[in-house]
Amino acid sequence: MSRPSLFGSPLFLGFDHLEQMLDRVGKNADGYPPYNIEQTGDNRLRITLAVAGFSMDDLQITQEDNQLVIRGRQKDEPEGRIFLHRGIAARQFQRAFVLAEGMEVEGAWLDNGLLHLDLKRPQPESRVKTIRIGARGNGAVPGVLQGPPERG
C-alpha cells in the first residue's frame, strides 16, 4: 500500500525532489541529539544542538544541496574504564535539516556542550514574467509560436 503523496496535487508541479528530501530527513530523525531552532532576527535563524561530550574534532557540518547535515562521532574510549552506570550517550549521530533555496550558514561554534549554527534566510525577490501567447491554427505552423502580425 503506497503512502499518499504530500505534493500529489496537480497544482504542485516540479516539487517531487522536495518530497524525496523530506523522506531522507525523516529516516534519520530519531530525536538524538536534541535541538532548538530560534529566530534571531528578521531573516536569521539559529540551530542549537545539545552535543555534550563531543569535541570540535568529533563534529562535522556539511551542506549537501539544500540539506544541512551535522554528524557526530566520538573517538573510541581508552580501554580499562569500568562504568557502574552509563547514562551519558556516546553514540554517533547524524541530524539533517532541509534548507530553503539560497539559505546560508553564516557560522558555527561550540560552547559548553552546545553546537550553535547561525543561518541567514535570503530576501525573496519578486519576479514577474509576462508570457507571450502565440496563435495556433488558422494558418499557424504547428509547434511554432506566432507573434503579433507585422505592421507595415
C-alpha atoms as a PDB file:
ATOM      1  CA  MET A   1       0.000   0.000   0.000  1.00  0.00           C
ATOM      2  CA  SER A   2       1.549   3.292  -1.015  1.00  0.00           C
ATOM      3  CA  ARG A   3       1.531   6.383   1.126  1.00  0.00           C
ATOM      4  CA  PRO A   4      -0.388   9.374  -0.277  1.00  0.00           C
ATOM      5  CA  SER A   5       1.969  11.938  -1.758  1.00  0.00           C
ATOM      6  CA  LEU A   6       2.412  15.192   0.133  1.00  0.00           C
ATOM      7  CA  PHE A   7       2.746  17.018  -3.175  1.00  0.00           C
ATOM      8  CA  GLY A   8       0.212  14.861  -5.030  1.00  0.00           C
ATOM      9  CA  SER A   9      -1.937  17.760  -6.106  1.00  0.00           C
ATOM     10  CA  PRO A  10      -1.748  18.580  -9.812  1.00  0.00           C
ATOM     11  CA  LEU A  11      -1.170  22.195  -8.729  1.00  0.00           C
ATOM     12  CA  PHE A  12       2.303  21.335  -7.352  1.00  0.00           C
ATOM     13  CA  LEU A  13       4.482  20.918 -10.440  1.00  0.00           C
ATOM     14  CA  GLY A  14       8.145  20.006 -10.097  1.00  0.00           C
ATOM     15  CA  PHE A  15       8.131  19.532  -6.312  1.00  0.00           C
ATOM     16  CA  ASP A  16       8.905  15.801  -6.335  1.00  0.00           C
ATOM     17  CA  HIS A  17      12.517  16.496  -5.264  1.00  0.00           C
ATOM     18  CA  LEU A  18      11.200  18.170  -2.084  1.00  0.00           C
ATOM     19  CA  GLU A  19       9.273  15.057  -1.163  1.00  0.00           C
ATOM     20  CA  GLN A  20      12.412  12.952  -1.668  1.00  0.00           C
ATOM     21  CA  MET A  21      14.404  15.295   0.606  1.00  0.00           C
ATOM     22  CA  LEU A  22      11.719  15.136   3.286  1.00  0.00           C
ATOM     23  CA  ASP A  23      11.780  11.331   3.140  1.00  0.00           C
ATOM     24  CA  ARG A  24      15.574  11.338   3.598  1.00  0.00           C
ATOM     25  CA  VAL A  25      15.367  13.696   6.564  1.00  0.00           C
ATOM     26  CA  GLY A  26      12.579  11.668   8.167  1.00  0.00           C
ATOM     27  CA  LYS A  27      14.654   8.495   8.079  1.00  0.00           C
ATOM     28  CA  ASN A  28      17.299   9.893  10.440  1.00  0.00           C
ATOM     29  CA  ALA A  29      15.007  11.773  12.820  1.00  0.00           C
ATOM     30  CA  ASP A  30      15.444   9.610  15.923  1.00  0.00           C
ATOM     31  CA  GLY A  31      15.427  12.545  18.370  1.00  0.00           C
ATOM     32  CA  TYR A  32      19.155  12.470  19.174  1.00  0.00           C
ATOM     33  CA  PRO A  33      20.725  14.860  19.728  1.00  0.00           C
ATOM     34  CA  PRO A  34      18.025  17.230  20.928  1.00  0.00           C
ATOM     35  CA  TYR A  35      17.982  20.633  19.264  1.00  0.00           C
ATOM     36  CA  ASN A  36      16.341  24.058  19.249  1.00  0.00           C
ATOM     37  CA  ILE A  37      15.598  26.349  16.328  1.00  0.00           C
ATOM     38  CA  GLU A  38      15.138  30.005  17.156  1.00  0.00           C
ATOM     39  CA  GLN A  39      14.590  33.170  15.195  1.00  0.00           C
ATOM     40  CA  THR A  40      17.362  35.659  15.977  1.00  0.00           C
ATOM     41  CA  GLY A  41      16.346  38.407  13.539  1.00  0.00           C
ATOM     42  CA  ASP A  42      14.038  39.190  10.660  1.00  0.00           C
ATOM     43  CA  ASN A  43      15.876  36.861   8.275  1.00  0.00           C
ATOM     44  CA  ARG A  44      18.088  34.933  10.668  1.00  0.00           C
ATOM     45  CA  LEU A  45      17.775  31.587  12.424  1.00  0.00           C
ATOM     46  CA  ARG A  46      19.935  29.720  14.936  1.00  0.00           C
ATOM     47  CA  ILE A  47      20.022  25.943  15.300  1.00  0.00           C
ATOM     48  CA  THR A  48      21.387  24.749  18.642  1.00  0.00           C
ATOM     49  CA  LEU A  49      22.190  21.069  19.230  1.00  0.00           C
ATOM     50  CA  ALA A  50      22.994  19.527  22.621  1.00  0.00           C
ATOM     51  CA  VAL A  51      26.243  17.645  21.926  1.00  0.00           C
ATOM     52  CA  ALA A  52      27.635  17.105  25.434  1.00  0.00           C
ATOM     53  CA  GLY A  53      30.857  15.109  25.370  1.00  0.00           C
ATOM     54  CA  PHE A  54      31.662  15.895  21.720  1.00  0.00           C
ATOM     55  CA  SER A  55      34.686  17.995  20.841  1.00  0.00           C
ATOM     56  CA  MET A  56      35.061  20.112  17.702  1.00  0.00           C
ATOM     57  CA  ASP A  57      37.116  17.303  16.156  1.00  0.00           C
ATOM     58  CA  ASP A  58      34.220  14.881  16.744  1.00  0.00           C
ATOM     59  CA  LEU A  59      31.734  17.020  14.788  1.00  0.00           C
ATOM     60  CA  GLN A  60      31.298  17.586  11.052  1.00  0.00           C
ATOM     61  CA  ILE A  61      28.923  20.031   9.353  1.00  0.00           C
ATOM     62  CA  THR A  62      28.231  19.809   5.622  1.00  0.00           C
ATOM     63  CA  GLN A  63      25.735  21.317   3.243  1.00  0.00           C
ATOM     64  CA  GLU A  64      24.680  18.857   0.559  1.00  0.00           C
ATOM     65  CA  ASP A  65      22.491  20.660  -1.970  1.00  0.00           C
ATOM     66  CA  ASN A  66      19.677  22.088   0.169  1.00  0.00           C
ATOM     67  CA  GLN A  67      20.317  19.767   3.082  1.00  0.00           C
ATOM     68  CA  LEU A  68      22.343  20.774   6.137  1.00  0.00           C
ATOM     69  CA  VAL A  69      23.879  17.662   7.711  1.00  0.00           C
ATOM     70  CA  ILE A  70      25.517  17.570  11.155  1.00  0.00           C
ATOM     71  CA  ARG A  71      27.389  14.414  12.094  1.00  0.00           C
ATOM     72  CA  GLY A  72      28.996  13.464  15.369  1.00  0.00           C
ATOM     73  CA  ARG A  73      31.331  10.584  16.071  1.00  0.00           C
ATOM     74  CA  GLN A  74      33.370  10.298  19.239  1.00  0.00           C
ATOM     75  CA  LYS A  75      36.719   8.615  19.243  1.00  0.00           C
ATOM     76  CA  ASP A  76      36.952   5.224  20.899  1.00  0.00           C
ATOM     77  CA  GLU A  77      37.361   5.440  24.641  1.00  0.00           C
ATOM     78  CA  PRO A  78      40.514   4.089  26.242  1.00  0.00           C
ATOM     79  CA  GLU A  79      40.206   0.518  27.437  1.00  0.00           C
ATOM     80  CA  GLY A  80      40.141  -0.298  31.091  1.00  0.00           C
ATOM     81  CA  ARG A  81      37.348   2.082  32.039  1.00  0.00           C
ATOM     82  CA  ILE A  82      34.658   0.399  34.103  1.00  0.00           C
ATOM     83  CA  PHE A  83      31.291   2.140  34.289  1.00  0.00           C
ATOM     84  CA  LEU A  84      28.971   1.402  37.213  1.00  0.00           C
ATOM     85  CA  HIS A  85      26.291   3.437  35.427  1.00  0.00           C
ATOM     86  CA  ARG A  86      26.442   4.881  31.929  1.00  0.00           C
ATOM     87  CA  GLY A  87      23.713   7.431  31.255  1.00  0.00           C
ATOM     88  CA  ILE A  88      25.584   9.857  29.007  1.00  0.00           C
ATOM     89  CA  ALA A  89      25.027   8.987  25.371  1.00  0.00           C
ATOM     90  CA  ALA A  90      28.254   8.500  23.471  1.00  0.00           C
ATOM     91  CA  ARG A  91      26.847   7.268  20.210  1.00  0.00           C
ATOM     92  CA  GLN A  92      27.387   8.651  16.771  1.00  0.00           C
ATOM     93  CA  PHE A  93      24.620  10.688  15.202  1.00  0.00           C
ATOM     94  CA  GLN A  94      23.518  12.350  12.023  1.00  0.00           C
ATOM     95  CA  ARG A  95      20.973  15.178  12.083  1.00  0.00           C
ATOM     96  CA  ALA A  96      19.740  16.727   8.815  1.00  0.00           C
ATOM     97  CA  PHE A  97      17.744  19.868   8.094  1.00  0.00           C
ATOM     98  CA  VAL A  98      16.233  20.847   4.740  1.00  0.00           C
ATOM     99  CA  LEU A  99      17.131  24.432   3.865  1.00  0.00           C
ATOM    100  CA  ALA A 100      15.166  26.798   1.669  1.00  0.00           C
ATOM    101  CA  GLU A 101      16.765  27.781  -1.626  1.00  0.00           C
ATOM    102  CA  GLY A 102      19.563  30.295  -1.034  1.00  0.00           C
ATOM    103  CA  MET A 103      19.724  29.778   2.747  1.00  0.00           C
ATOM    104  CA  GLU A 104      23.284  30.320   4.002  1.00  0.00           C
ATOM    105  CA  VAL A 105      25.121  29.040   7.062  1.00  0.00           C
ATOM    106  CA  GLU A 106      26.945  32.087   8.413  1.00  0.00           C
ATOM    107  CA  GLY A 107      28.889  30.336  11.138  1.00  0.00           C
ATOM    108  CA  ALA A 108      29.055  27.599  13.752  1.00  0.00           C
ATOM    109  CA  TRP A 109      30.578  27.400  17.205  1.00  0.00           C
ATOM    110  CA  LEU A 110      30.734  25.012  20.156  1.00  0.00           C
ATOM    111  CA  ASP A 111      30.069  26.427  23.631  1.00  0.00           C
ATOM    112  CA  ASN A 112      29.544  24.455  26.861  1.00  0.00           C
ATOM    113  CA  GLY A 113      28.324  21.321  25.083  1.00  0.00           C
ATOM    114  CA  LEU A 114      26.023  23.202  22.709  1.00  0.00           C
ATOM    115  CA  LEU A 115      26.700  23.442  18.978  1.00  0.00           C
ATOM    116  CA  HIS A 116      25.265  26.653  17.506  1.00  0.00           C
ATOM    117  CA  LEU A 117      24.745  27.308  13.778  1.00  0.00           C
ATOM    118  CA  ASP A 118      23.628  30.705  12.530  1.00  0.00           C
ATOM    119  CA  LEU A 119      21.716  30.800   9.259  1.00  0.00           C
ATOM    120  CA  LYS A 120      20.644  33.685   7.081  1.00  0.00           C
ATOM    121  CA  ARG A 121      17.439  33.477   5.093  1.00  0.00           C
ATOM    122  CA  PRO A 122      17.614  35.293   1.750  1.00  0.00           C
ATOM    123  CA  GLN A 123      15.177  38.061   0.958  1.00  0.00           C
ATOM    124  CA  PRO A 124      12.775  36.693  -1.638  1.00  0.00           C
ATOM    125  CA  GLU A 125      12.916  38.531  -4.927  1.00  0.00           C
ATOM    126  CA  SER A 126       9.646  39.402  -6.526  1.00  0.00           C
ATOM    127  CA  ARG A 127       9.829  38.139 -10.093  1.00  0.00           C
ATOM    128  CA  VAL A 128       7.136  38.834 -12.615  1.00  0.00           C
ATOM    129  CA  LYS A 129       7.472  37.449 -16.118  1.00  0.00           C
ATOM    130  CA  THR A 130       4.968  38.049 -18.865  1.00  0.00           C
ATOM    131  CA  ILE A 131       4.391  35.005 -21.064  1.00  0.00           C
ATOM    132  CA  ARG A 132       3.533  35.792 -24.650  1.00  0.00           C
ATOM    133  CA  ILE A 133       0.557  33.950 -26.067  1.00  0.00           C
ATOM    134  CA  GLY A 134       1.051  32.603 -29.559  1.00  0.00           C
ATOM    135  CA  ALA A 135      -1.551  31.616 -32.129  1.00  0.00           C
ATOM    136  CA  ARG A 136      -2.192  28.132 -33.429  1.00  0.00           C
ATOM    137  CA  GLY A 137      -4.497  27.145 -36.219  1.00  0.00           C
ATOM    138  CA  ASN A 138      -5.752  29.495 -38.935  1.00  0.00           C
ATOM    139  CA  GLY A 139      -2.549  29.075 -40.914  1.00  0.00           C
ATOM    140  CA  ALA A 140      -0.160  28.967 -37.985  1.00  0.00           C
ATOM    141  CA  VAL A 141       2.650  26.450 -38.184  1.00  0.00           C
ATOM    142  CA  PRO A 142       2.099  23.655 -35.595  1.00  0.00           C
ATOM    143  CA  GLY A 143       4.577  23.812 -32.742  1.00  0.00           C
ATOM    144  CA  VAL A 144       5.749  27.334 -33.592  1.00  0.00           C
ATOM    145  CA  LEU A 145       4.533  30.292 -31.560  1.00  0.00           C
ATOM    146  CA  GLN A 146       3.285  33.087 -33.746  1.00  0.00           C
ATOM    147  CA  GLY A 147       3.771  36.702 -32.721  1.00  0.00           C
ATOM    148  CA  PRO A 148       1.507  39.607 -33.426  1.00  0.00           C
ATOM    149  CA  PRO A 149       1.012  40.473 -37.100  1.00  0.00           C
ATOM    150  CA  GLU A 150       3.611  42.729 -38.694  1.00  0.00           C
ATOM    151  CA  ARG A 151       2.519  46.294 -39.180  1.00  0.00           C
ATOM    152  CA  GLY A 152       3.628  47.955 -42.359  1.00  0.00           C
END
